[in-house]
Amino acid sequence: MKNWPPKDEAKRGEISGPKSVNMKRRNNKAKNMTSGLSLEAFNAKSNRNYYNPALIKKQKEFYKNAKYVSKFKKSIKQQGQQNDLSSIIRPQEDDNETERNSEMMNKKSKKGKNKGKFSLKEIYDKKREEEEKEKMEREAIIQKQKEERENAKARRKAVKEKMYKKTRSGQPVMKYRIERLLETIQGSKSNNS
């Protein structure tokens, strides 16, 4: 029995002894333990799926403004090119001819401007008067409504005082309550007929 356990079988792990149980436990522990994410990887992962409406709004505004700026730059560039082309294409005229033309244009524009100024001023005055009338009408309506509200409030207050009146012994005064009931009945009769 000296040959027990055979060397071949012990090497293959077929025979279970105290060493082989410990090895299995260690292997299982190693399988179950997984390494966690680093802080940078965790933050990067969480930030991708984070929904932030304020950030989205800022980005939209940024892109919108960038679009406007690019359009503005393009228009400036185009205007610069057009000005260069117009100065190149336009033939140079004599100084006398340009002076005559400018004098005639000034005379025509002065006549038209005066008429336009007066008519614009008249239109402005009429419009302003209409606005003032509308404003006064609105203020009168508001004032009337305010007075009506105050009167109704005063009436309600007087009725409330009468309805809550009590006798010396603390009983409600029925005289005012009966009058109120009579008024409401008469009012409903007049509304029905």
N, C-alpha and C. Protein backbone atom coordinates (compact mmCIF):
# COMPACT_ATOMS: atom_id res chain seq x y z
N MET A 1 0.79 -1.17 0.00
CA MET A 1 0.00 0.00 0.00
C MET A 1 0.84 1.25 0.00
N LYS A 2 2.02 1.08 -0.15
CA LYS A 2 2.91 2.22 -0.19
C LYS A 2 2.67 3.05 -1.44
N ASN A 3 2.14 2.45 -2.43
CA ASN A 3 1.96 3.16 -3.69
C ASN A 3 0.64 3.95 -3.70
N TRP A 4 -0.04 4.01 -2.61
CA TRP A 4 -1.31 4.72 -2.56
C TRP A 4 -1.11 6.13 -2.17
N PRO A 5 -1.67 7.06 -2.67
CA PRO A 5 -2.38 7.20 -3.94
C PRO A 5 -1.41 7.19 -5.09
N PRO A 6 -1.85 6.69 -6.20
CA PRO A 6 -0.96 6.66 -7.35
C PRO A 6 -0.58 8.08 -7.77
N LYS A 7 0.64 8.26 -8.19
CA LYS A 7 1.17 9.57 -8.52
C LYS A 7 0.45 10.19 -9.72
N ASP A 8 0.06 9.38 -10.68
CA ASP A 8 -0.61 9.91 -11.87
C ASP A 8 -1.96 10.54 -11.52
N GLU A 9 -2.73 9.86 -10.66
CA GLU A 9 -4.07 10.34 -10.31
C GLU A 9 -4.00 11.59 -9.44
N ALA A 10 -3.04 11.67 -8.55
CA ALA A 10 -2.91 12.82 -7.67
C ALA A 10 -2.57 14.07 -8.49
N LYS A 11 -1.75 13.88 -9.50
CA LYS A 11 -1.38 15.02 -10.33
C LYS A 11 -2.56 15.53 -11.14
N ARG A 12 -3.45 14.61 -11.54
CA ARG A 12 -4.58 15.01 -12.37
C ARG A 12 -5.67 15.70 -11.56
N GLY A 13 -5.64 15.62 -10.24
CA GLY A 13 -6.63 16.25 -9.42
C GLY A 13 -7.88 15.45 -9.24
N GLU A 14 -7.82 14.20 -9.54
CA GLU A 14 -9.01 13.37 -9.40
C GLU A 14 -9.28 13.05 -7.95
N ILE A 15 -8.27 13.02 -7.15
CA ILE A 15 -8.45 12.71 -5.75
C ILE A 15 -8.58 14.04 -5.03
N SER A 16 -9.63 14.16 -4.24
CA SER A 16 -9.85 15.41 -3.54
C SER A 16 -9.26 15.35 -2.16
N GLY A 17 -8.45 16.30 -1.86
CA GLY A 17 -7.86 16.39 -0.55
C GLY A 17 -8.01 17.81 -0.04
N PRO A 18 -7.44 18.17 1.10
CA PRO A 18 -7.58 19.50 1.64
C PRO A 18 -7.00 20.57 0.73
N LYS A 19 -5.98 20.29 -0.01
CA LYS A 19 -5.40 21.29 -0.91
C LYS A 19 -6.32 21.59 -2.08
N SER A 20 -6.95 20.59 -2.62
CA SER A 20 -7.80 20.81 -3.78
C SER A 20 -9.04 21.61 -3.41
N VAL A 21 -9.62 21.48 -2.22
CA VAL A 21 -10.79 22.26 -1.78
C VAL A 21 -10.42 23.72 -1.66
N ASN A 22 -9.26 23.99 -1.09
CA ASN A 22 -8.80 25.38 -0.95
C ASN A 22 -8.57 26.03 -2.32
N MET A 23 -8.07 25.25 -3.25
CA MET A 23 -7.82 25.77 -4.59
C MET A 23 -9.14 26.14 -5.27
N LYS A 24 -10.16 25.27 -5.09
CA LYS A 24 -11.47 25.56 -5.69
C LYS A 24 -12.06 26.84 -5.12
N ARG A 25 -11.94 27.03 -3.81
CA ARG A 25 -12.46 28.25 -3.17
C ARG A 25 -11.76 29.49 -3.74
N ARG A 26 -10.45 29.42 -3.85
CA ARG A 26 -9.70 30.55 -4.38
C ARG A 26 -10.11 30.87 -5.80
N ASN A 27 -10.29 29.84 -6.61
CA ASN A 27 -10.71 30.04 -8.00
C ASN A 27 -12.10 30.66 -8.07
N ASN A 28 -13.01 30.20 -7.22
CA ASN A 28 -14.37 30.77 -7.20
C ASN A 28 -14.33 32.23 -6.78
N LYS A 29 -13.53 32.57 -5.77
CA LYS A 29 -13.41 33.96 -5.32
C LYS A 29 -12.89 34.83 -6.46
N ALA A 30 -11.92 34.36 -7.14
CA ALA A 30 -11.34 35.13 -8.24
C ALA A 30 -12.37 35.34 -9.35
N LYS A 31 -13.21 34.35 -9.60
CA LYS A 31 -14.24 34.48 -10.64
C LYS A 31 -15.30 35.49 -10.23
N ASN A 32 -15.71 35.44 -8.95
CA ASN A 32 -16.79 36.32 -8.48
C ASN A 32 -16.35 37.76 -8.33
N MET A 33 -15.12 38.02 -8.03
CA MET A 33 -14.65 39.39 -7.84
C MET A 33 -14.32 40.00 -9.19
N THR A 34 -15.03 41.07 -9.50
CA THR A 34 -14.73 41.79 -10.75
C THR A 34 -14.15 43.14 -10.37
N SER A 35 -13.29 43.64 -11.17
CA SER A 35 -12.70 44.95 -10.86
C SER A 35 -13.74 46.02 -11.21
N GLY A 36 -13.91 47.05 -10.35
CA GLY A 36 -14.87 48.13 -10.57
C GLY A 36 -14.36 49.13 -11.57
N LEU A 37 -15.25 50.03 -11.96
CA LEU A 37 -14.87 51.09 -12.89
C LEU A 37 -14.05 52.15 -12.15
N SER A 38 -13.15 52.78 -12.86
CA SER A 38 -12.42 53.90 -12.27
C SER A 38 -13.38 55.09 -12.19
N LEU A 39 -13.05 56.08 -11.39
CA LEU A 39 -13.90 57.25 -11.21
C LEU A 39 -14.08 58.01 -12.52
N GLU A 40 -13.03 58.12 -13.31
CA GLU A 40 -13.12 58.83 -14.59
C GLU A 40 -14.05 58.10 -15.55
N ALA A 41 -13.93 56.78 -15.58
CA ALA A 41 -14.77 56.00 -16.48
C ALA A 41 -16.22 56.07 -16.03
N PHE A 42 -16.45 56.06 -14.72
CA PHE A 42 -17.82 56.12 -14.20
C PHE A 42 -18.45 57.46 -14.54
N ASN A 43 -17.72 58.56 -14.31
CA ASN A 43 -18.25 59.89 -14.61
C ASN A 43 -18.50 60.06 -16.10
N ALA A 44 -17.62 59.58 -16.92
CA ALA A 44 -17.79 59.70 -18.37
C ALA A 44 -19.02 58.94 -18.80
N LYS A 45 -19.23 57.76 -18.19
CA LYS A 45 -20.38 56.96 -18.56
C LYS A 45 -21.67 57.64 -18.14
N SER A 46 -21.70 58.21 -16.92
CA SER A 46 -22.93 58.81 -16.42
C SER A 46 -23.25 60.11 -17.12
N ASN A 47 -22.24 60.86 -17.52
CA ASN A 47 -22.48 62.15 -18.16
C ASN A 47 -23.06 62.00 -19.55
N ARG A 48 -22.81 60.90 -20.21
CA ARG A 48 -23.33 60.72 -21.56
C ARG A 48 -24.85 60.64 -21.56
N ASN A 49 -25.42 59.99 -20.57
CA ASN A 49 -26.86 59.78 -20.54
C ASN A 49 -27.59 60.84 -19.73
N TYR A 50 -26.91 61.87 -19.26
CA TYR A 50 -27.51 62.87 -18.40
C TYR A 50 -28.31 63.85 -19.25
N TYR A 51 -29.57 64.09 -18.88
CA TYR A 51 -30.45 65.00 -19.61
C TYR A 51 -30.49 66.32 -18.86
N ASN A 52 -30.00 67.38 -19.49
CA ASN A 52 -29.98 68.70 -18.87
C ASN A 52 -30.62 69.70 -19.83
N PRO A 53 -31.88 70.10 -19.57
CA PRO A 53 -32.56 71.02 -20.50
C PRO A 53 -31.87 72.38 -20.61
N ALA A 54 -31.30 72.85 -19.50
CA ALA A 54 -30.63 74.16 -19.55
C ALA A 54 -29.43 74.12 -20.49
N LEU A 55 -28.69 73.01 -20.43
CA LEU A 55 -27.53 72.87 -21.30
C LEU A 55 -27.96 72.78 -22.76
N ILE A 56 -29.03 72.06 -23.01
CA ILE A 56 -29.55 71.94 -24.38
C ILE A 56 -29.97 73.30 -24.91
N LYS A 57 -30.65 74.10 -24.05
CA LYS A 57 -31.09 75.43 -24.45
C LYS A 57 -29.90 76.32 -24.78
N LYS A 58 -28.85 76.24 -23.95
CA LYS A 58 -27.65 77.04 -24.21
C LYS A 58 -27.02 76.66 -25.55
N GLN A 59 -26.95 75.35 -25.81
CA GLN A 59 -26.36 74.91 -27.07
C GLN A 59 -27.17 75.41 -28.26
N LYS A 60 -28.51 75.34 -28.14
CA LYS A 60 -29.36 75.82 -29.24
C LYS A 60 -29.13 77.30 -29.49
N GLU A 61 -29.07 78.10 -28.40
CA GLU A 61 -28.83 79.53 -28.55
C GLU A 61 -27.47 79.79 -29.19
N PHE A 62 -26.47 79.02 -28.76
CA PHE A 62 -25.13 79.21 -29.31
C PHE A 62 -25.13 78.97 -30.81
N TYR A 63 -25.73 77.85 -31.23
CA TYR A 63 -25.75 77.54 -32.67
C TYR A 63 -26.58 78.55 -33.45
N LYS A 64 -27.68 79.01 -32.85
CA LYS A 64 -28.52 80.00 -33.51
C LYS A 64 -27.74 81.30 -33.71
N ASN A 65 -27.05 81.75 -32.65
CA ASN A 65 -26.24 82.97 -32.75
C ASN A 65 -25.11 82.80 -33.76
N ALA A 66 -24.50 81.63 -33.76
CA ALA A 66 -23.42 81.38 -34.71
C ALA A 66 -23.94 81.48 -36.15
N LYS A 67 -25.15 80.96 -36.37
CA LYS A 67 -25.75 81.02 -37.69
C LYS A 67 -25.98 82.48 -38.11
N TYR A 68 -26.51 83.29 -37.17
CA TYR A 68 -26.74 84.70 -37.47
C TYR A 68 -25.43 85.43 -37.77
N VAL A 69 -24.42 85.14 -37.00
CA VAL A 69 -23.12 85.79 -37.21
C VAL A 69 -22.56 85.43 -38.58
N SER A 70 -22.66 84.15 -38.95
CA SER A 70 -22.13 83.76 -40.26
C SER A 70 -22.92 84.42 -41.39
N LYS A 71 -24.25 84.51 -41.24
CA LYS A 71 -25.05 85.20 -42.26
C LYS A 71 -24.66 86.67 -42.37
N PHE A 72 -24.45 87.30 -41.20
CA PHE A 72 -24.06 88.71 -41.19
C PHE A 72 -22.73 88.91 -41.90
N LYS A 73 -21.76 88.03 -41.60
CA LYS A 73 -20.45 88.15 -42.23
C LYS A 73 -20.54 87.97 -43.74
N LYS A 74 -21.38 87.01 -44.15
CA LYS A 74 -21.56 86.80 -45.59
C LYS A 74 -22.15 88.03 -46.26
N SER A 75 -23.18 88.63 -45.61
CA SER A 75 -23.81 89.80 -46.21
C SER A 75 -22.83 90.97 -46.29
N ILE A 76 -22.02 91.15 -45.25
CA ILE A 76 -21.00 92.22 -45.27
C ILE A 76 -20.03 91.99 -46.42
N LYS A 77 -19.62 90.75 -46.58
CA LYS A 77 -18.67 90.40 -47.64
C LYS A 77 -19.29 90.69 -49.01
N GLN A 78 -20.56 90.30 -49.18
CA GLN A 78 -21.24 90.53 -50.46
C GLN A 78 -21.39 92.02 -50.74
N GLN A 79 -21.74 92.80 -49.71
CA GLN A 79 -21.88 94.24 -49.91
C GLN A 79 -20.56 94.87 -50.31
N GLY A 80 -19.49 94.41 -49.70
CA GLY A 80 -18.15 94.92 -50.05
C GLY A 80 -17.81 94.62 -51.50
N GLN A 81 -18.16 93.42 -51.96
CA GLN A 81 -17.89 93.05 -53.34
C GLN A 81 -18.76 93.88 -54.29
N GLN A 82 -20.02 94.10 -53.93
CA GLN A 82 -20.91 94.88 -54.79
C GLN A 82 -20.42 96.32 -54.92
N ASN A 83 -19.97 96.90 -53.80
CA ASN A 83 -19.46 98.28 -53.84
C ASN A 83 -18.22 98.37 -54.74
N ASP A 84 -17.36 97.39 -54.66
CA ASP A 84 -16.18 97.38 -55.52
C ASP A 84 -16.57 97.29 -56.99
N LEU A 85 -17.54 96.42 -57.29
CA LEU A 85 -17.99 96.24 -58.68
C LEU A 85 -18.67 97.50 -59.20
N SER A 86 -19.51 98.13 -58.36
CA SER A 86 -20.24 99.31 -58.83
C SER A 86 -19.29 100.47 -59.12
N SER A 87 -18.23 100.60 -58.33
CA SER A 87 -17.29 101.69 -58.59
C SER A 87 -16.48 101.41 -59.86
N ILE A 88 -16.22 100.16 -60.15
CA ILE A 88 -15.46 99.80 -61.35
C ILE A 88 -16.33 99.98 -62.59
N ILE A 89 -17.59 99.55 -62.54
CA ILE A 89 -18.47 99.57 -63.70
C ILE A 89 -18.92 100.99 -64.03
N ARG A 90 -19.21 101.79 -62.99
CA ARG A 90 -19.74 103.13 -63.21
C ARG A 90 -18.71 104.01 -63.92
N PRO A 91 -19.09 104.61 -65.03
CA PRO A 91 -18.14 105.50 -65.72
C PRO A 91 -18.00 106.82 -64.97
N GLN A 92 -16.82 107.40 -65.08
CA GLN A 92 -16.56 108.68 -64.43
C GLN A 92 -17.19 109.79 -65.27
N GLU A 93 -17.99 110.64 -64.58
CA GLU A 93 -18.66 111.74 -65.27
C GLU A 93 -17.94 113.05 -65.00
N ASP A 94 -18.28 114.02 -65.81
CA ASP A 94 -17.68 115.34 -65.62
C ASP A 94 -18.19 115.95 -64.32
N ASP A 95 -17.38 116.81 -63.72
CA ASP A 95 -17.77 117.45 -62.47
C ASP A 95 -18.97 118.38 -62.68
N ASN A 96 -19.02 119.07 -63.80
CA ASN A 96 -20.12 119.99 -64.06
C ASN A 96 -21.45 119.26 -64.17
N GLU A 97 -21.45 118.15 -64.86
CA GLU A 97 -22.69 117.40 -65.04
C GLU A 97 -23.19 116.87 -63.69
N THR A 98 -22.30 116.38 -62.88
CA THR A 98 -22.72 115.84 -61.58
C THR A 98 -23.25 116.95 -60.68
N GLU A 99 -22.64 118.14 -60.75
CA GLU A 99 -23.12 119.26 -59.93
C GLU A 99 -24.52 119.67 -60.35
N ARG A 100 -24.75 119.75 -61.65
CA ARG A 100 -26.08 120.13 -62.15
C ARG A 100 -27.13 119.11 -61.71
N ASN A 101 -26.78 117.84 -61.88
CA ASN A 101 -27.73 116.79 -61.49
C ASN A 101 -28.03 116.84 -59.99
N SER A 102 -27.02 117.06 -59.20
CA SER A 102 -27.22 117.08 -57.75
C SER A 102 -28.08 118.28 -57.35
N GLU A 103 -27.88 119.45 -58.02
CA GLU A 103 -28.70 120.63 -57.72
C GLU A 103 -30.17 120.38 -58.07
N MET A 104 -30.41 119.76 -59.21
CA MET A 104 -31.78 119.48 -59.62
C MET A 104 -32.44 118.49 -58.66
N MET A 105 -31.69 117.50 -58.23
CA MET A 105 -32.23 116.51 -57.30
C MET A 105 -32.56 117.16 -55.95
N ASN A 106 -31.72 118.08 -55.51
CA ASN A 106 -31.95 118.76 -54.25
C ASN A 106 -33.23 119.59 -54.30
N LYS A 107 -33.43 120.32 -55.42
CA LYS A 107 -34.64 121.13 -55.57
C LYS A 107 -35.89 120.26 -55.55
N LYS A 108 -35.84 119.15 -56.28
CA LYS A 108 -37.00 118.25 -56.32
C LYS A 108 -37.27 117.64 -54.96
N SER A 109 -36.22 117.24 -54.30
CA SER A 109 -36.41 116.58 -53.00
C SER A 109 -36.91 117.57 -51.95
N LYS A 110 -36.48 118.85 -52.02
CA LYS A 110 -36.96 119.84 -51.06
C LYS A 110 -38.46 120.05 -51.21
N LYS A 111 -38.93 120.13 -52.43
CA LYS A 111 -40.36 120.34 -52.66
C LYS A 111 -41.16 119.16 -52.12
N GLY A 112 -40.71 117.97 -52.42
CA GLY A 112 -41.41 116.78 -51.97
C GLY A 112 -41.33 116.59 -50.47
N LYS A 113 -40.19 116.96 -49.88
CA LYS A 113 -40.00 116.78 -48.44
C LYS A 113 -40.97 117.65 -47.65
N ASN A 114 -41.14 118.90 -48.07
CA ASN A 114 -42.01 119.81 -47.34
C ASN A 114 -43.44 119.28 -47.33
N LYS A 115 -43.90 118.84 -48.47
CA LYS A 115 -45.26 118.30 -48.54
C LYS A 115 -45.38 117.06 -47.66
N GLY A 116 -44.36 116.24 -47.72
CA GLY A 116 -44.37 115.01 -46.93
C GLY A 116 -44.35 115.30 -45.44
N LYS A 117 -43.56 116.29 -45.04
CA LYS A 117 -43.47 116.62 -43.63
C LYS A 117 -44.81 117.05 -43.08
N PHE A 118 -45.49 117.95 -43.80
CA PHE A 118 -46.77 118.44 -43.31
C PHE A 118 -47.79 117.31 -43.26
N SER A 119 -47.81 116.51 -44.27
CA SER A 119 -48.80 115.43 -44.29
C SER A 119 -48.50 114.42 -43.19
N LEU A 120 -47.23 114.12 -42.98
CA LEU A 120 -46.87 113.18 -41.91
C LEU A 120 -47.23 113.76 -40.55
N LYS A 121 -47.00 115.05 -40.37
CA LYS A 121 -47.31 115.68 -39.10
C LYS A 121 -48.83 115.65 -38.85
N GLU A 122 -49.60 115.93 -39.88
CA GLU A 122 -51.06 115.89 -39.74
C GLU A 122 -51.53 114.49 -39.39
N ILE A 123 -50.97 113.50 -40.08
CA ILE A 123 -51.35 112.10 -39.80
C ILE A 123 -50.98 111.75 -38.37
N TYR A 124 -49.81 112.17 -37.95
CA TYR A 124 -49.35 111.88 -36.58
C TYR A 124 -50.29 112.52 -35.55
N ASP A 125 -50.65 113.79 -35.80
CA ASP A 125 -51.54 114.49 -34.87
C ASP A 125 -52.91 113.81 -34.79
N LYS A 126 -53.46 113.44 -35.95
CA LYS A 126 -54.76 112.76 -35.96
C LYS A 126 -54.70 111.44 -35.19
N LYS A 127 -53.65 110.69 -35.45
CA LYS A 127 -53.50 109.40 -34.80
C LYS A 127 -53.37 109.58 -33.29
N ARG A 128 -52.61 110.57 -32.89
CA ARG A 128 -52.42 110.82 -31.46
C ARG A 128 -53.73 111.23 -30.80
N GLU A 129 -54.51 112.08 -31.45
CA GLU A 129 -55.81 112.48 -30.91
C GLU A 129 -56.73 111.28 -30.75
N GLU A 130 -56.76 110.41 -31.74
CA GLU A 130 -57.58 109.21 -31.66
C GLU A 130 -57.15 108.33 -30.48
N GLU A 131 -55.84 108.19 -30.32
CA GLU A 131 -55.33 107.38 -29.21
C GLU A 131 -55.71 107.99 -27.86
N GLU A 132 -55.64 109.33 -27.77
CA GLU A 132 -56.00 109.99 -26.52
C GLU A 132 -57.49 109.81 -26.22
N LYS A 133 -58.34 109.91 -27.26
CA LYS A 133 -59.78 109.70 -27.06
C LYS A 133 -60.05 108.28 -26.57
N GLU A 134 -59.41 107.31 -27.21
CA GLU A 134 -59.59 105.91 -26.80
C GLU A 134 -59.14 105.71 -25.36
N LYS A 135 -58.02 106.35 -25.01
CA LYS A 135 -57.49 106.24 -23.65
C LYS A 135 -58.47 106.83 -22.64
N MET A 136 -59.02 108.00 -22.97
CA MET A 136 -59.99 108.65 -22.07
C MET A 136 -61.25 107.78 -21.92
N GLU A 137 -61.72 107.19 -23.03
CA GLU A 137 -62.89 106.32 -22.96
C GLU A 137 -62.61 105.11 -22.07
N ARG A 138 -61.43 104.50 -22.25
CA ARG A 138 -61.06 103.34 -21.42
C ARG A 138 -61.01 103.72 -19.94
N GLU A 139 -60.41 104.89 -19.65
CA GLU A 139 -60.32 105.34 -18.26
C GLU A 139 -61.70 105.58 -17.67
N ALA A 140 -62.63 106.17 -18.47
CA ALA A 140 -63.99 106.41 -18.00
C ALA A 140 -64.70 105.09 -17.69
N ILE A 141 -64.53 104.12 -18.57
CA ILE A 141 -65.16 102.80 -18.35
C ILE A 141 -64.59 102.15 -17.10
N ILE A 142 -63.28 102.23 -16.93
CA ILE A 142 -62.64 101.63 -15.75
C ILE A 142 -63.14 102.32 -14.48
N GLN A 143 -63.24 103.66 -14.52
CA GLN A 143 -63.71 104.41 -13.35
C GLN A 143 -65.16 104.03 -13.02
N LYS A 144 -65.99 103.89 -14.04
CA LYS A 144 -67.39 103.52 -13.83
C LYS A 144 -67.49 102.13 -13.20
N GLN A 145 -66.71 101.20 -13.71
CA GLN A 145 -66.72 99.84 -13.15
C GLN A 145 -66.24 99.84 -11.71
N LYS A 146 -65.25 100.67 -11.42
CA LYS A 146 -64.71 100.76 -10.06
C LYS A 146 -65.79 101.27 -9.10
N GLU A 147 -66.52 102.31 -9.52
CA GLU A 147 -67.60 102.85 -8.69
C GLU A 147 -68.70 101.81 -8.46
N GLU A 148 -69.07 101.09 -9.53
CA GLU A 148 -70.08 100.05 -9.40
C GLU A 148 -69.64 98.98 -8.40
N ARG A 149 -68.38 98.58 -8.48
CA ARG A 149 -67.86 97.58 -7.53
C ARG A 149 -67.92 98.09 -6.10
N GLU A 150 -67.54 99.37 -5.89
CA GLU A 150 -67.57 99.93 -4.54
C GLU A 150 -69.00 99.98 -4.01
N ASN A 151 -69.96 100.40 -4.87
CA ASN A 151 -71.37 100.44 -4.44
C ASN A 151 -71.88 99.05 -4.08
N ALA A 152 -71.56 98.07 -4.90
CA ALA A 152 -72.01 96.70 -4.63
C ALA A 152 -71.39 96.19 -3.33
N LYS A 153 -70.14 96.53 -3.11
CA LYS A 153 -69.46 96.10 -1.89
C LYS A 153 -70.11 96.74 -0.66
N ALA A 154 -70.45 98.02 -0.76
CA ALA A 154 -71.12 98.71 0.36
C ALA A 154 -72.49 98.08 0.64
N ARG A 155 -73.25 97.78 -0.44
CA ARG A 155 -74.56 97.13 -0.26
C ARG A 155 -74.41 95.77 0.43
N ARG A 156 -73.44 94.98 -0.05
CA ARG A 156 -73.23 93.66 0.56
C ARG A 156 -72.86 93.79 2.03
N LYS A 157 -72.05 94.78 2.34
CA LYS A 157 -71.63 94.98 3.73
C LYS A 157 -72.84 95.33 4.61
N ALA A 158 -73.70 96.22 4.09
CA ALA A 158 -74.89 96.62 4.86
C ALA A 158 -75.81 95.41 5.09
N VAL A 159 -76.01 94.62 4.04
CA VAL A 159 -76.88 93.43 4.15
C VAL A 159 -76.27 92.45 5.14
N LYS A 160 -74.97 92.28 5.07
CA LYS A 160 -74.28 91.34 5.95
C LYS A 160 -74.45 91.76 7.42
N GLU A 161 -74.30 93.07 7.67
CA GLU A 161 -74.48 93.56 9.04
C GLU A 161 -75.88 93.27 9.55
N LYS A 162 -76.88 93.50 8.70
CA LYS A 162 -78.27 93.24 9.11
C LYS A 162 -78.51 91.76 9.35
N MET A 163 -77.92 90.93 8.46
CA MET A 163 -78.15 89.49 8.59
C MET A 163 -77.50 88.92 9.85
N TYR A 164 -76.41 89.48 10.28
CA TYR A 164 -75.70 88.96 11.45
C TYR A 164 -76.12 89.62 12.76
N LYS A 165 -77.09 90.53 12.71
CA LYS A 165 -77.53 91.17 13.95
C LYS A 165 -78.13 90.12 14.88
N LYS A 166 -77.89 90.32 16.16
CA LYS A 166 -78.39 89.37 17.17
C LYS A 166 -79.17 90.14 18.25
N THR A 167 -80.04 89.43 18.92
CA THR A 167 -80.77 90.01 20.06
C THR A 167 -79.88 89.96 21.29
N ARG A 168 -80.40 90.46 22.44
CA ARG A 168 -79.62 90.44 23.68
C ARG A 168 -79.26 89.03 24.09
N SER A 169 -80.16 88.10 23.84
CA SER A 169 -79.92 86.72 24.26
C SER A 169 -79.06 85.94 23.25
N GLY A 170 -78.66 86.60 22.12
CA GLY A 170 -77.79 85.96 21.15
C GLY A 170 -78.53 85.30 20.00
N GLN A 171 -79.84 85.46 19.95
CA GLN A 171 -80.62 84.88 18.84
C GLN A 171 -80.56 85.84 17.63
N PRO A 172 -80.60 85.31 16.39
CA PRO A 172 -80.59 86.19 15.20
C PRO A 172 -81.89 86.98 15.09
N VAL A 173 -81.77 88.24 14.61
CA VAL A 173 -82.95 89.07 14.39
C VAL A 173 -83.58 88.60 13.09
N MET A 174 -84.82 88.09 13.16
CA MET A 174 -85.45 87.47 12.00
C MET A 174 -86.05 88.50 11.04
N LYS A 175 -86.29 89.71 11.54
CA LYS A 175 -86.91 90.75 10.72
C LYS A 175 -86.13 90.96 9.42
N TYR A 176 -84.82 91.12 9.50
CA TYR A 176 -83.99 91.40 8.33
C TYR A 176 -83.87 90.17 7.42
N ARG A 177 -83.84 89.01 8.03
CA ARG A 177 -83.75 87.79 7.24
C ARG A 177 -85.02 87.57 6.42
N ILE A 178 -86.16 87.82 7.03
CA ILE A 178 -87.44 87.66 6.33
C ILE A 178 -87.53 88.68 5.19
N GLU A 179 -87.10 89.93 5.45
CA GLU A 179 -87.12 90.96 4.39
C GLU A 179 -86.25 90.51 3.20
N ARG A 180 -85.11 89.95 3.52
CA ARG A 180 -84.19 89.49 2.46
C ARG A 180 -84.83 88.37 1.65
N LEU A 181 -85.45 87.43 2.33
CA LEU A 181 -86.15 86.34 1.62
C LEU A 181 -87.26 86.89 0.73
N LEU A 182 -88.01 87.86 1.24
CA LEU A 182 -89.09 88.48 0.46
C LEU A 182 -88.54 89.18 -0.78
N GLU A 183 -87.43 89.89 -0.63
CA GLU A 183 -86.81 90.57 -1.78
C GLU A 183 -86.36 89.57 -2.84
N THR A 184 -85.75 88.48 -2.41
CA THR A 184 -85.29 87.49 -3.39
C THR A 184 -86.46 86.83 -4.10
N ILE A 185 -87.55 86.58 -3.39
CA ILE A 185 -88.74 85.97 -4.02
C ILE A 185 -89.34 86.93 -5.04
N GLN A 186 -89.46 88.20 -4.66
CA GLN A 186 -90.01 89.18 -5.60
C GLN A 186 -89.09 89.36 -6.81
N GLY A 187 -87.81 89.33 -6.58
CA GLY A 187 -86.86 89.46 -7.68
C GLY A 187 -86.96 88.29 -8.63
N SER A 188 -87.13 87.07 -8.10
CA SER A 188 -87.25 85.89 -8.98
C SER A 188 -88.56 85.93 -9.75
N LYS A 189 -89.63 86.47 -9.14
CA LYS A 189 -90.92 86.60 -9.86
C LYS A 189 -90.80 87.56 -11.02
N SER A 190 -90.15 88.70 -10.79
CA SER A 190 -90.00 89.69 -11.84
C SER A 190 -89.10 89.16 -12.98
N ASN A 191 -88.10 88.35 -12.65
CA ASN A 191 -87.22 87.80 -13.66
C ASN A 191 -87.94 86.75 -14.51
N ASN A 192 -88.83 85.97 -13.90
CA ASN A 192 -89.55 84.93 -14.63
C ASN A 192 -90.60 85.53 -15.58
N SER A 193 -91.22 86.63 -15.20
CA SER A 193 -92.28 87.19 -16.05
C SER A 193 -91.79 88.23 -16.98
